[in-house]
Amino acid sequence: MACCKCCCEAGANPGVCCGLPGSQTCCRDPKHCCKDQLCCEESETCCGTQESPVCCESGTSCCGPGCCPDEQLCCEGNCCAPGECCVDGSCVACDCDPPCSTENCEVCTEVSSGVFDCVTSCTGGQVCCGGVCQECCGDADCPEGEVCVDGTCQSDCDPPCTGCDVCTETSPGVKECVSSCTGGQLCCTGVCQECCVDADCTPPAGEVAQCCDGVCKNTLDDTGFCRDADTGECYAATFDDCGRANQSNTFDLCSCPPGPLAMQSVGLVGTQLKALLSRIGIKSSPTCSCNKRAKIMDENGIEWCEQNVETICDWLAEESAKRKLPFVRLAGKALIHLAIRRAKKGNNK
């Protein structure tokens, strides 16, 4: 033991002694010391029990006291033989009639209780090529401009095409990388779009343009989002409507512009609650009942809101259901109480 410890701790890459007394070995990486008894290789997995540890090599996985090849089923700690299924905790012969075709990559699988059927073993868009699951069998399985090489789709141009370019036959026997973007589109990180950044957009005279998710929008033709300087609320509006309402308002064509909750209306619980909901991405719209109920809360005052927290929470739950959003009542109440506290703080100023 002393010799193992001495050897392990020496040098620039110290390790740990792994194993039972008298049969210890030096494990350079403590993570590979399986159950403090057996030193596994980097590619192996520690399996088995504390009394009988085992290192499962690559291509196998833990199964009860030992290892099981990845292509075979582990059934309640037992490794089923090829062609066997796990039924009620036991390995039994899969009963598919007619037998499954290995040429078509089929395996006999229990699809429901006591019912077996042939199911493809290929996943993730793979195709079966003579009993082997691969990305492609031939060029026809690959996107345009790519060829199938050893079961993998690769660019047929040298060097391979990048970005939005595709390998195209530009003349008989000649292939070159050609952009797939058309109609004045730009290539933005491998995707063809109308614009990548705001500078790619040309607005009408006297207007402003923004690139929103690859599409150009401008203040003359498009509706954007207005942040109300008084309430902190963000709502859909044209640039003219946003500016005319209050020149302190902020406008954005793509999404709600950031902005602090202003203090002019802090004494209004409904206004406060709308602003808090807006901050977590739940926006009011002209057709929802949010504005009407916020107005009721503002008009009835702080004391009424304190006495009707359950009613207000029911309103939140109802609106969440309409929008198909998850709702936690405890969190809803916490948000209401926060709105009340902020309203009280504003009244004390």
Foldseek 3Di string as FASTA:
>chain_A
DVVQQVVQCDDPQHFDWAADPPDTHGASHPVQRALSHDGEDPQWDWEADNVQIDTHHPQWDHAARRIEGPVFDRFNRRTADAQWEHAPRDTDHQDEPPDEDLQQQWHWYQPDHVDTYTDHPADDCWGRARNDTACDNFQVSDPAQWTADPRDTFGPDVVGDDAQWGWDAPDVPDTDTDGPADDCFDGARNDTACDNFLVSDDEPPPWGWTQAPRDIDILVPAWWWKQDQALRAIAIGGPVVRCVVDVVIDTDRHHGDDDDGHLNQLLQLLSLLQNVCVVVPDHDYPPDCSVVVSVVRRVVGLVVCVVCLVVVLVVVVVVCVVVVHDDDSVVSSVSSVVSSVSSVVSVVD
